[in-house]
Amino acid sequence: MTAFKTAVTLCGPLRHPRQMLQEQTYEGHVSIHDDNMANDLGFSGAPIEGPTHFSQFDHLLFELFGKAWFENGCISAHYQNMVIEGEEVRAFATPADDKKSAVIWAEKKDGTPVLQGSACIGPNHPESELDRRRARLRPSQQLVILAEQHIGMKGKQDEHVVMGFDQQMGDLYPFSLNEKVERMTEPSSWYTNAGGSQSPWGKAIIPFEMISVLTEYSAREAEIPRKGPAVGLFVDQEIKLIKGPLFVNHPYRLQREVIHLAESRRVESSWTLTKVYDEKSNELVAECILNHSLVKSSYKKYEEEAIALGKSSS
């Protein structure tokens, strides 16, 4: 008789992720995380920020990979459906035979998919979900909102960032790490001032979902051009630790580069790679990829400029 080997899927509990971007503003207006703005754009409500869901995977992936998850782990996700505060979400992870990677996904209580992706540990990270998705992308034709961007465009200057426990992260992220941990679905004492010294690294670490904040709150400083105001949302995101963890109250330097441009019927998308360097050692410690998509209909001059360029949004 032939034995069948079936990977065991880890499943987390149903959680209620919290919305913390109601007060987010950029380009002089509220974001898609505001209920009225979301409704104006045809959405049922203001979505919870995508990387919030990453915390629901941390305990599953720590169980699979141990502390290596926080040292050289990579989470790579395509966001499928928005989650509104009050909805319940569950995370899943199915390990691969190599014991260094896993297929991950999250879904609502009724089975509606929230995200799909991959997780793995290094140092030699295997192909990720976003590697596969980017390989299938076709070159954009004629962009309007992102007309001034081009692949290979770099930020005009390096960005110098740090995340303190009580530091307010600005208009884009109107909360602190301490406030986030209080509402996090899977909090850990390792993320706190009181418990950080008990972590395996002897100090507090920045959780995966807040690495997104660390690498995005200063994005305006890069001065990568786009027309606006226009409302955007995260569609694809990858956080890869190379020499982690990233630590609270530690200085980092960011370098940003456009690596792909794309569009669909409703959005124009800028894929950006952000490299994170330790300010003290100058070592590359992390890389983050973000597909930030801008809703065409939210840019008032879209039709006018599209016609001038000889195209249409339809």
C-alpha atoms as a PDB file:
ATOM      1  CA  MET A   1       0.000   0.000   0.000  1.00  0.00           C
ATOM      2  CA  THR A   2       1.293   3.487  -0.912  1.00  0.00           C
ATOM      3  CA  ALA A   3       1.478   5.971   1.926  1.00  0.00           C
ATOM      4  CA  PHE A   4       0.055   9.441   1.289  1.00  0.00           C
ATOM      5  CA  LYS A   5       1.821  12.446   2.763  1.00  0.00           C
ATOM      6  CA  THR A   6      -0.461  15.367   3.510  1.00  0.00           C
ATOM      7  CA  ALA A   7       0.814  18.652   4.871  1.00  0.00           C
ATOM      8  CA  VAL A   8      -0.922  19.811   8.027  1.00  0.00           C
ATOM      9  CA  THR A   9      -2.515  23.240   7.659  1.00  0.00           C
ATOM     10  CA  LEU A  10      -2.221  25.517  10.656  1.00  0.00           C
ATOM     11  CA  CYS A  11      -5.330  27.584  11.364  1.00  0.00           C
ATOM     12  CA  GLY A  12      -5.548  30.581  13.655  1.00  0.00           C
ATOM     13  CA  PRO A  13      -8.625  31.695  15.615  1.00  0.00           C
ATOM     14  CA  LEU A  14     -11.213  34.098  14.275  1.00  0.00           C
ATOM     15  CA  ARG A  15     -10.170  37.636  15.135  1.00  0.00           C
ATOM     16  CA  HIS A  16     -11.680  41.125  14.866  1.00  0.00           C
ATOM     17  CA  PRO A  17      -8.969  43.332  13.280  1.00  0.00           C
ATOM     18  CA  ARG A  18      -9.303  46.991  14.213  1.00  0.00           C
ATOM     19  CA  GLN A  19      -9.431  50.059  11.988  1.00  0.00           C
ATOM     20  CA  MET A  20      -6.840  52.710  12.895  1.00  0.00           C
ATOM     21  CA  LEU A  21      -6.669  54.908   9.800  1.00  0.00           C
ATOM     22  CA  GLN A  22      -9.964  56.794  10.123  1.00  0.00           C
ATOM     23  CA  GLU A  23      -8.015  60.032  10.602  1.00  0.00           C
ATOM     24  CA  GLN A  24      -5.463  59.386   7.856  1.00  0.00           C
ATOM     25  CA  THR A  25      -4.934  62.296   5.472  1.00  0.00           C
ATOM     26  CA  TYR A  26      -2.706  62.898   2.464  1.00  0.00           C
ATOM     27  CA  GLU A  27      -2.658  65.364  -0.409  1.00  0.00           C
ATOM     28  CA  GLY A  28      -5.052  67.511   1.607  1.00  0.00           C
ATOM     29  CA  HIS A  29      -7.907  65.017   1.834  1.00  0.00           C
ATOM     30  CA  VAL A  30      -9.019  61.975   3.806  1.00  0.00           C
ATOM     31  CA  SER A  31      -8.164  58.500   2.507  1.00  0.00           C
ATOM     32  CA  ILE A  32     -10.122  55.437   1.469  1.00  0.00           C
ATOM     33  CA  HIS A  33     -10.072  54.468   5.168  1.00  0.00           C
ATOM     34  CA  ASP A  34     -12.672  57.193   5.798  1.00  0.00           C
ATOM     35  CA  ASP A  35     -16.238  55.861   5.558  1.00  0.00           C
ATOM     36  CA  ASN A  36     -17.566  58.729   3.429  1.00  0.00           C
ATOM     37  CA  MET A  37     -14.652  58.581   0.997  1.00  0.00           C
ATOM     38  CA  ALA A  38     -14.979  54.798   0.692  1.00  0.00           C
ATOM     39  CA  ASN A  39     -18.711  55.102   0.021  1.00  0.00           C
ATOM     40  CA  ASP A  40     -18.126  57.811  -2.594  1.00  0.00           C
ATOM     41  CA  LEU A  41     -15.826  55.402  -4.444  1.00  0.00           C
ATOM     42  CA  GLY A  42     -18.385  52.602  -4.393  1.00  0.00           C
ATOM     43  CA  PHE A  43     -17.069  50.546  -1.469  1.00  0.00           C
ATOM     44  CA  SER A  44     -19.328  49.232   1.295  1.00  0.00           C
ATOM     45  CA  GLY A  45     -17.245  50.807   4.029  1.00  0.00           C
ATOM     46  CA  ALA A  46     -13.798  51.988   5.035  1.00  0.00           C
ATOM     47  CA  PRO A  47     -11.338  49.084   4.785  1.00  0.00           C
ATOM     48  CA  ILE A  48      -8.890  48.045   7.474  1.00  0.00           C
ATOM     49  CA  GLU A  49      -5.306  48.619   6.338  1.00  0.00           C
ATOM     50  CA  GLY A  50      -3.987  45.446   4.658  1.00  0.00           C
ATOM     51  CA  PRO A  51      -0.821  44.812   6.711  1.00  0.00           C
ATOM     52  CA  THR A  52      -2.964  44.659   9.865  1.00  0.00           C
ATOM     53  CA  HIS A  53      -3.678  41.061   8.844  1.00  0.00           C
ATOM     54  CA  PHE A  54       0.023  40.132   8.953  1.00  0.00           C
ATOM     55  CA  SER A  55      -0.097  39.873  12.745  1.00  0.00           C
ATOM     56  CA  GLN A  56      -2.538  36.964  12.519  1.00  0.00           C
ATOM     57  CA  PHE A  57       0.155  34.978  10.721  1.00  0.00           C
ATOM     58  CA  ASP A  58       3.016  35.697  13.112  1.00  0.00           C
ATOM     59  CA  HIS A  59       2.152  33.056  15.711  1.00  0.00           C
ATOM     60  CA  LEU A  60       1.527  30.452  12.997  1.00  0.00           C
ATOM     61  CA  LEU A  61       4.812  31.179  11.235  1.00  0.00           C
ATOM     62  CA  PHE A  62       6.729  31.345  14.517  1.00  0.00           C
ATOM     63  CA  GLU A  63       5.410  27.849  15.222  1.00  0.00           C
ATOM     64  CA  LEU A  64       6.673  26.689  11.811  1.00  0.00           C
ATOM     65  CA  PHE A  65      10.006  28.510  11.638  1.00  0.00           C
ATOM     66  CA  GLY A  66      10.923  29.531  15.185  1.00  0.00           C
ATOM     67  CA  LYS A  67      12.713  32.812  15.858  1.00  0.00           C
ATOM     68  CA  ALA A  68      14.130  32.726  12.321  1.00  0.00           C
ATOM     69  CA  TRP A  69      10.741  34.094  11.281  1.00  0.00           C
ATOM     70  CA  PHE A  70      11.601  37.430  12.907  1.00  0.00           C
ATOM     71  CA  GLU A  71      15.214  37.355  11.699  1.00  0.00           C
ATOM     72  CA  ASN A  72      14.948  36.519   7.984  1.00  0.00           C
ATOM     73  CA  GLY A  73      11.287  35.810   7.345  1.00  0.00           C
ATOM     74  CA  CYS A  74       9.413  37.027   4.262  1.00  0.00           C
ATOM     75  CA  ILE A  75       5.656  37.517   4.000  1.00  0.00           C
ATOM     76  CA  SER A  76       4.336  38.181   0.489  1.00  0.00           C
ATOM     77  CA  ALA A  77       0.639  38.846  -0.070  1.00  0.00           C
ATOM     78  CA  HIS A  78      -1.954  39.836  -2.649  1.00  0.00           C
ATOM     79  CA  TYR A  79      -4.941  41.522  -1.023  1.00  0.00           C
ATOM     80  CA  GLN A  80      -8.182  40.152  -2.468  1.00  0.00           C
ATOM     81  CA  ASN A  81     -11.129  41.627  -0.563  1.00  0.00           C
ATOM     82  CA  MET A  82     -11.443  44.476   1.899  1.00  0.00           C
ATOM     83  CA  VAL A  83     -12.264  43.869   5.550  1.00  0.00           C
ATOM     84  CA  ILE A  84     -14.512  46.287   7.432  1.00  0.00           C
ATOM     85  CA  GLU A  85     -14.161  46.665  11.201  1.00  0.00           C
ATOM     86  CA  GLY A  86     -16.529  44.237  12.914  1.00  0.00           C
ATOM     87  CA  GLU A  87     -15.883  41.424  10.439  1.00  0.00           C
ATOM     88  CA  GLU A  88     -14.027  38.336  11.644  1.00  0.00           C
ATOM     89  CA  VAL A  89     -10.911  37.034   9.917  1.00  0.00           C
ATOM     90  CA  ARG A  90      -8.957  33.783  10.235  1.00  0.00           C
ATOM     91  CA  ALA A  91      -5.399  33.056   9.027  1.00  0.00           C
ATOM     92  CA  PHE A  92      -4.089  29.778   7.546  1.00  0.00           C
ATOM     93  CA  ALA A  93      -0.622  28.435   6.704  1.00  0.00           C
ATOM     94  CA  THR A  94       0.277  25.184   4.925  1.00  0.00           C
ATOM     95  CA  PRO A  95       4.001  24.348   5.168  1.00  0.00           C
ATOM     96  CA  ALA A  96       5.906  23.049   2.147  1.00  0.00           C
ATOM     97  CA  ASP A  97       8.086  19.946   2.191  1.00  0.00           C
ATOM     98  CA  ASP A  98      11.236  22.078   2.299  1.00  0.00           C
ATOM     99  CA  LYS A  99      10.268  23.252   5.812  1.00  0.00           C
ATOM    100  CA  LYS A 100      11.392  26.744   4.840  1.00  0.00           C
ATOM    101  CA  SER A 101       8.261  28.023   3.116  1.00  0.00           C
ATOM    102  CA  ALA A 102       4.482  27.952   3.348  1.00  0.00           C
ATOM    103  CA  VAL A 103       1.364  28.888   1.435  1.00  0.00           C
ATOM    104  CA  ILE A 104      -0.679  31.376   3.436  1.00  0.00           C
ATOM    105  CA  TRP A 105      -4.151  32.814   3.127  1.00  0.00           C
ATOM    106  CA  ALA A 106      -6.784  34.588   5.202  1.00  0.00           C
ATOM    107  CA  GLU A 107     -10.536  34.529   4.918  1.00  0.00           C
ATOM    108  CA  LYS A 108     -13.576  35.997   6.596  1.00  0.00           C
ATOM    109  CA  LYS A 109     -15.890  33.937   8.786  1.00  0.00           C
ATOM    110  CA  ASP A 110     -18.164  33.269   5.789  1.00  0.00           C
ATOM    111  CA  GLY A 111     -15.233  32.037   3.673  1.00  0.00           C
ATOM    112  CA  THR A 112     -14.716  35.223   1.637  1.00  0.00           C
ATOM    113  CA  PRO A 113     -11.006  35.416   0.743  1.00  0.00           C
ATOM    114  CA  VAL A 114      -9.061  38.320   2.263  1.00  0.00           C
ATOM    115  CA  LEU A 115      -5.543  37.655   0.994  1.00  0.00           C
ATOM    116  CA  GLN A 116      -3.392  34.933  -0.495  1.00  0.00           C
ATOM    117  CA  GLY A 117       0.346  34.650  -0.463  1.00  0.00           C
ATOM    118  CA  SER A 118       3.509  32.953   0.661  1.00  0.00           C
ATOM    119  CA  ALA A 119       5.811  32.959   3.654  1.00  0.00           C
ATOM    120  CA  CYS A 120       9.364  31.711   3.923  1.00  0.00           C
ATOM    121  CA  ILE A 121      12.652  32.119   5.749  1.00  0.00           C
ATOM    122  CA  GLY A 122      16.111  32.887   4.384  1.00  0.00           C
ATOM    123  CA  PRO A 123      18.907  33.427   4.005  1.00  0.00           C
ATOM    124  CA  ASN A 124      18.192  32.183   0.477  1.00  0.00           C
ATOM    125  CA  HIS A 125      14.537  33.134   0.120  1.00  0.00           C
ATOM    126  CA  PRO A 126      12.651  31.037  -2.465  1.00  0.00           C
ATOM    127  CA  GLU A 127      10.314  32.538  -5.075  1.00  0.00           C
ATOM    128  CA  SER A 128       7.525  34.504  -3.405  1.00  0.00           C
ATOM    129  CA  GLU A 129       3.902  35.225  -4.249  1.00  0.00           C
ATOM    130  CA  LEU A 130       4.822  38.693  -5.520  1.00  0.00           C
ATOM    131  CA  ASP A 131       7.706  37.314  -7.594  1.00  0.00           C
ATOM    132  CA  ARG A 132       5.160  35.172  -9.430  1.00  0.00           C
ATOM    133  CA  ARG A 133       2.600  37.970  -9.761  1.00  0.00           C
ATOM    134  CA  ARG A 134       5.138  40.466 -11.090  1.00  0.00           C
ATOM    135  CA  ALA A 135       6.328  37.951 -13.698  1.00  0.00           C
ATOM    136  CA  ARG A 136       2.795  37.896 -15.130  1.00  0.00           C
ATOM    137  CA  LEU A 137       2.380  41.676 -15.337  1.00  0.00           C
ATOM    138  CA  ARG A 138       2.200  43.298 -18.747  1.00  0.00           C
ATOM    139  CA  PRO A 139       3.824  46.684 -19.402  1.00  0.00           C
ATOM    140  CA  SER A 140       1.463  49.623 -18.988  1.00  0.00           C
ATOM    141  CA  GLN A 141       0.392  51.535 -22.090  1.00  0.00           C
ATOM    142  CA  GLN A 142      -0.173  55.219 -21.375  1.00  0.00           C
ATOM    143  CA  LEU A 143      -0.540  56.235 -17.738  1.00  0.00           C
ATOM    144  CA  VAL A 144      -2.213  59.454 -16.592  1.00  0.00           C
ATOM    145  CA  ILE A 145      -1.848  59.787 -12.812  1.00  0.00           C
ATOM    146  CA  LEU A 146       1.562  58.096 -12.907  1.00  0.00           C
ATOM    147  CA  ALA A 147       2.672  59.640 -16.195  1.00  0.00           C
ATOM    148  CA  GLU A 148       5.785  61.178 -14.636  1.00  0.00           C
ATOM    149  CA  GLN A 149       7.066  57.915 -13.177  1.00  0.00           C
ATOM    150  CA  HIS A 150       9.275  55.383 -14.935  1.00  0.00           C
ATOM    151  CA  ILE A 151      10.735  52.015 -13.994  1.00  0.00           C
ATOM    152  CA  GLY A 152      14.078  52.523 -12.280  1.00  0.00           C
ATOM    153  CA  MET A 153      13.123  55.947 -10.896  1.00  0.00           C
ATOM    154  CA  LYS A 154      14.670  56.409  -7.465  1.00  0.00           C
ATOM    155  CA  GLY A 155      13.734  58.660  -4.587  1.00  0.00           C
ATOM    156  CA  LYS A 156      15.415  62.046  -4.691  1.00  0.00           C
ATOM    157  CA  GLN A 157      16.944  61.475  -1.285  1.00  0.00           C
ATOM    158  CA  ASP A 158      17.466  58.791   1.317  1.00  0.00           C
ATOM    159  CA  GLU A 159      14.909  58.790   4.121  1.00  0.00           C
ATOM    160  CA  HIS A 160      16.044  58.574   7.741  1.00  0.00           C
ATOM    161  CA  VAL A 161      13.465  56.887   9.947  1.00  0.00           C
ATOM    162  CA  VAL A 162      12.984  55.556  13.447  1.00  0.00           C
ATOM    163  CA  MET A 163      10.004  54.175  15.377  1.00  0.00           C
ATOM    164  CA  GLY A 164       9.607  54.926  19.068  1.00  0.00           C
ATOM    165  CA  PHE A 165       7.029  53.425  21.401  1.00  0.00           C
ATOM    166  CA  ASP A 166       4.957  56.603  21.736  1.00  0.00           C
ATOM    167  CA  GLN A 167       6.023  58.301  18.504  1.00  0.00           C
ATOM    168  CA  GLN A 168       3.073  59.538  16.450  1.00  0.00           C
ATOM    169  CA  MET A 169       3.756  58.434  12.878  1.00  0.00           C
ATOM    170  CA  GLY A 170       2.277  61.470  11.130  1.00  0.00           C
ATOM    171  CA  ASP A 171      -0.716  62.194   8.885  1.00  0.00           C
ATOM    172  CA  LEU A 172      -0.376  58.892   7.027  1.00  0.00           C
ATOM    173  CA  TYR A 173      -0.340  56.839  10.246  1.00  0.00           C
ATOM    174  CA  PRO A 174      -2.047  58.792  13.049  1.00  0.00           C
ATOM    175  CA  PHE A 175      -1.095  56.426  15.881  1.00  0.00           C
ATOM    176  CA  SER A 176       1.934  55.139  17.792  1.00  0.00           C
ATOM    177  CA  LEU A 177       3.424  51.667  18.174  1.00  0.00           C
ATOM    178  CA  ASN A 178       2.051  51.448  21.716  1.00  0.00           C
ATOM    179  CA  GLU A 179      -1.441  52.350  20.499  1.00  0.00           C
ATOM    180  CA  LYS A 180      -1.186  49.763  17.731  1.00  0.00           C
ATOM    181  CA  VAL A 181      -0.060  46.986  20.076  1.00  0.00           C
ATOM    182  CA  GLU A 182      -3.045  47.708  22.349  1.00  0.00           C
ATOM    183  CA  ARG A 183      -5.423  46.944  19.450  1.00  0.00           C
ATOM    184  CA  MET A 184      -3.371  44.288  17.662  1.00  0.00           C
ATOM    185  CA  THR A 185      -5.017  40.914  17.046  1.00  0.00           C
ATOM    186  CA  GLU A 186      -1.888  39.035  18.207  1.00  0.00           C
ATOM    187  CA  PRO A 187       0.030  41.319  20.595  1.00  0.00           C
ATOM    188  CA  SER A 188       3.384  40.306  22.064  1.00  0.00           C
ATOM    189  CA  SER A 189       5.419  41.613  24.982  1.00  0.00           C
ATOM    190  CA  TRP A 190       8.386  41.574  22.575  1.00  0.00           C
ATOM    191  CA  TYR A 191       6.876  44.675  20.938  1.00  0.00           C
ATOM    192  CA  THR A 192       6.762  46.656  24.197  1.00  0.00           C
ATOM    193  CA  ASN A 193       9.134  48.709  26.319  1.00  0.00           C
ATOM    194  CA  ALA A 194       8.351  46.620  29.390  1.00  0.00           C
ATOM    195  CA  GLY A 195       8.785  43.212  27.753  1.00  0.00           C
ATOM    196  CA  GLY A 196      11.283  43.870  24.987  1.00  0.00           C
ATOM    197  CA  SER A 197      14.284  42.942  27.137  1.00  0.00           C
ATOM    198  CA  GLN A 198      12.823  39.425  27.420  1.00  0.00           C
ATOM    199  CA  SER A 199      12.829  38.871  23.651  1.00  0.00           C
ATOM    200  CA  PRO A 200      15.460  36.504  22.190  1.00  0.00           C
ATOM    201  CA  TRP A 201      17.356  39.613  21.001  1.00  0.00           C
ATOM    202  CA  GLY A 202      17.302  41.417  24.339  1.00  0.00           C
ATOM    203  CA  LYS A 203      15.292  44.419  23.130  1.00  0.00           C
ATOM    204  CA  ALA A 204      11.915  45.304  21.656  1.00  0.00           C
ATOM    205  CA  ILE A 205      11.269  44.460  18.007  1.00  0.00           C
ATOM    206  CA  ILE A 206       9.004  46.077  15.424  1.00  0.00           C
ATOM    207  CA  PRO A 207       6.156  43.700  14.421  1.00  0.00           C
ATOM    208  CA  PHE A 208       5.721  42.818  10.749  1.00  0.00           C
ATOM    209  CA  GLU A 209       2.577  44.910  10.351  1.00  0.00           C
ATOM    210  CA  MET A 210       4.377  47.990  11.697  1.00  0.00           C
ATOM    211  CA  ILE A 211       7.372  47.517   9.393  1.00  0.00           C
ATOM    212  CA  SER A 212       4.924  48.691   6.723  1.00  0.00           C
ATOM    213  CA  VAL A 213       4.456  51.907   8.726  1.00  0.00           C
ATOM    214  CA  LEU A 214       8.212  52.332   9.234  1.00  0.00           C
ATOM    215  CA  THR A 215       8.845  52.160   5.485  1.00  0.00           C
ATOM    216  CA  GLU A 216       5.873  54.255   4.360  1.00  0.00           C
ATOM    217  CA  TYR A 217       5.410  57.139   6.797  1.00  0.00           C
ATOM    218  CA  SER A 218       8.295  59.078   5.217  1.00  0.00           C
ATOM    219  CA  ALA A 219       7.451  58.209   1.583  1.00  0.00           C
ATOM    220  CA  ARG A 220       6.730  61.833   0.672  1.00  0.00           C
ATOM    221  CA  GLU A 221      10.387  62.674   1.257  1.00  0.00           C
ATOM    222  CA  ALA A 222      11.377  60.536  -1.741  1.00  0.00           C
ATOM    223  CA  GLU A 223       9.428  62.950  -3.977  1.00  0.00           C
ATOM    224  CA  ILE A 224       8.533  60.282  -6.528  1.00  0.00           C
ATOM    225  CA  PRO A 225       5.997  62.243  -8.608  1.00  0.00           C
ATOM    226  CA  ARG A 226       2.355  61.457  -9.228  1.00  0.00           C
ATOM    227  CA  LYS A 227      -0.643  63.595 -10.083  1.00  0.00           C
ATOM    228  CA  GLY A 228      -3.349  64.244  -7.572  1.00  0.00           C
ATOM    229  CA  PRO A 229      -5.115  64.398  -5.372  1.00  0.00           C
ATOM    230  CA  ALA A 230      -6.075  60.780  -6.007  1.00  0.00           C
ATOM    231  CA  VAL A 231      -7.153  58.071  -3.572  1.00  0.00           C
ATOM    232  CA  GLY A 232      -4.957  54.984  -3.297  1.00  0.00           C
ATOM    233  CA  LEU A 233      -5.011  51.530  -1.737  1.00  0.00           C
ATOM    234  CA  PHE A 234      -2.528  48.734  -1.124  1.00  0.00           C
ATOM    235  CA  VAL A 235      -3.050  45.761  -3.479  1.00  0.00           C
ATOM    236  CA  ASP A 236       0.167  43.740  -3.103  1.00  0.00           C
ATOM    237  CA  GLN A 237       2.767  43.857  -0.357  1.00  0.00           C
ATOM    238  CA  GLU A 238       5.915  41.991   0.629  1.00  0.00           C
ATOM    239  CA  ILE A 239       8.112  42.418   3.698  1.00  0.00           C
ATOM    240  CA  LYS A 240      11.409  40.528   3.616  1.00  0.00           C
ATOM    241  CA  LEU A 241      13.800  40.522   6.544  1.00  0.00           C
ATOM    242  CA  ILE A 242      17.423  39.932   5.586  1.00  0.00           C
ATOM    243  CA  LYS A 243      19.172  40.636   8.867  1.00  0.00           C
ATOM    244  CA  GLY A 244      16.374  41.176  11.352  1.00  0.00           C
ATOM    245  CA  PRO A 245      14.579  41.827  13.504  1.00  0.00           C
ATOM    246  CA  LEU A 246      14.072  45.564  13.125  1.00  0.00           C
ATOM    247  CA  PHE A 247      14.226  47.244  16.506  1.00  0.00           C
ATOM    248  CA  VAL A 248      12.221  49.951  18.238  1.00  0.00           C
ATOM    249  CA  ASN A 249      14.104  53.242  18.753  1.00  0.00           C
ATOM    250  CA  HIS A 250      16.786  52.207  16.241  1.00  0.00           C
ATOM    251  CA  PRO A 251      17.667  54.447  13.252  1.00  0.00           C
ATOM    252  CA  TYR A 252      17.250  53.172   9.701  1.00  0.00           C
ATOM    253  CA  ARG A 253      17.874  54.604   6.245  1.00  0.00           C
ATOM    254  CA  LEU A 254      15.517  53.955   3.328  1.00  0.00           C
ATOM    255  CA  GLN A 255      16.167  53.930  -0.417  1.00  0.00           C
ATOM    256  CA  ARG A 256      13.108  53.805  -2.680  1.00  0.00           C
ATOM    257  CA  GLU A 257      12.811  52.737  -6.333  1.00  0.00           C
ATOM    258  CA  VAL A 258       9.953  52.210  -8.809  1.00  0.00           C
ATOM    259  CA  ILE A 259      10.248  48.635 -10.107  1.00  0.00           C
ATOM    260  CA  HIS A 260       7.022  48.255 -12.126  1.00  0.00           C
ATOM    261  CA  LEU A 261       4.099  50.292 -13.450  1.00  0.00           C
ATOM    262  CA  ALA A 262       0.751  48.777 -14.390  1.00  0.00           C
ATOM    263  CA  GLU A 263      -2.928  49.563 -14.801  1.00  0.00           C
ATOM    264  CA  SER A 264      -6.365  47.992 -14.902  1.00  0.00           C
ATOM    265  CA  ARG A 265      -9.774  49.372 -15.814  1.00  0.00           C
ATOM    266  CA  ARG A 266     -10.131  51.089 -12.429  1.00  0.00           C
ATOM    267  CA  VAL A 267      -6.610  51.814 -11.160  1.00  0.00           C
ATOM    268  CA  GLU A 268      -3.058  52.783 -12.040  1.00  0.00           C
ATOM    269  CA  SER A 269      -0.409  50.967 -10.011  1.00  0.00           C
ATOM    270  CA  SER A 270       3.105  51.859  -8.918  1.00  0.00           C
ATOM    271  CA  TRP A 271       5.229  48.998  -7.586  1.00  0.00           C
ATOM    272  CA  THR A 272       7.965  50.327  -5.320  1.00  0.00           C
ATOM    273  CA  LEU A 273      10.940  48.559  -3.736  1.00  0.00           C
ATOM    274  CA  THR A 274      12.180  50.060  -0.478  1.00  0.00           C
ATOM    275  CA  LYS A 275      15.550  48.936   0.846  1.00  0.00           C
ATOM    276  CA  VAL A 276      16.100  49.305   4.582  1.00  0.00           C
ATOM    277  CA  TYR A 277      19.636  49.899   5.855  1.00  0.00           C
ATOM    278  CA  ASP A 278      20.797  49.908   9.458  1.00  0.00           C
ATOM    279  CA  GLU A 279      21.912  53.496  10.016  1.00  0.00           C
ATOM    280  CA  LYS A 280      24.694  52.422  12.379  1.00  0.00           C
ATOM    281  CA  SER A 281      26.196  49.424  10.532  1.00  0.00           C
ATOM    282  CA  ASN A 282      25.110  50.453   7.001  1.00  0.00           C
ATOM    283  CA  GLU A 283      24.004  46.841   6.394  1.00  0.00           C
ATOM    284  CA  LEU A 284      20.975  45.994   4.275  1.00  0.00           C
ATOM    285  CA  VAL A 285      18.529  44.532   6.798  1.00  0.00           C
ATOM    286  CA  ALA A 286      15.193  44.379   4.949  1.00  0.00           C
ATOM    287  CA  GLU A 287      13.461  44.892   1.605  1.00  0.00           C
ATOM    288  CA  CYS A 288       9.814  45.817   1.152  1.00  0.00           C
ATOM    289  CA  ILE A 289       7.726  45.799  -2.028  1.00  0.00           C
ATOM    290  CA  LEU A 290       4.437  47.676  -2.241  1.00  0.00           C
ATOM    291  CA  ASN A 291       1.939  47.875  -5.078  1.00  0.00           C
ATOM    292  CA  HIS A 292       0.130  51.148  -4.372  1.00  0.00           C
ATOM    293  CA  SER A 293      -2.839  51.478  -6.713  1.00  0.00           C
ATOM    294  CA  LEU A 294      -4.553  54.807  -7.399  1.00  0.00           C
ATOM    295  CA  VAL A 295      -8.250  54.895  -8.253  1.00  0.00           C
ATOM    296  CA  LYS A 296      -8.684  56.581 -11.639  1.00  0.00           C
ATOM    297  CA  SER A 297     -12.119  57.994 -10.850  1.00  0.00           C
ATOM    298  CA  SER A 298     -10.768  59.758  -7.742  1.00  0.00           C
ATOM    299  CA  TYR A 299      -8.536  61.990  -9.867  1.00  0.00           C
ATOM    300  CA  LYS A 300     -10.829  64.754 -11.143  1.00  0.00           C
ATOM    301  CA  LYS A 301      -8.801  65.492 -14.269  1.00  0.00           C
ATOM    302  CA  TYR A 302      -8.435  61.850 -15.300  1.00  0.00           C
ATOM    303  CA  GLU A 303     -10.891  61.829 -18.230  1.00  0.00           C
ATOM    304  CA  GLU A 304      -9.717  65.187 -19.528  1.00  0.00           C
ATOM    305  CA  GLU A 305      -6.056  64.195 -19.484  1.00  0.00           C
ATOM    306  CA  ALA A 306      -6.751  60.680 -20.769  1.00  0.00           C
ATOM    307  CA  ILE A 307      -8.535  62.128 -23.809  1.00  0.00           C
ATOM    308  CA  ALA A 308      -5.638  64.503 -24.394  1.00  0.00           C
ATOM    309  CA  LEU A 309      -3.317  61.512 -24.373  1.00  0.00           C
ATOM    310  CA  GLY A 310      -5.570  59.651 -26.814  1.00  0.00           C
ATOM    311  CA  LYS A 311      -6.946  57.055 -24.431  1.00  0.00           C
ATOM    312  CA  SER A 312     -10.063  56.387 -22.377  1.00  0.00           C
ATOM    313  CA  SER A 313     -10.702  54.892 -18.951  1.00  0.00           C
ATOM    314  CA  SER A 314     -13.332  52.539 -20.361  1.00  0.00           C
END
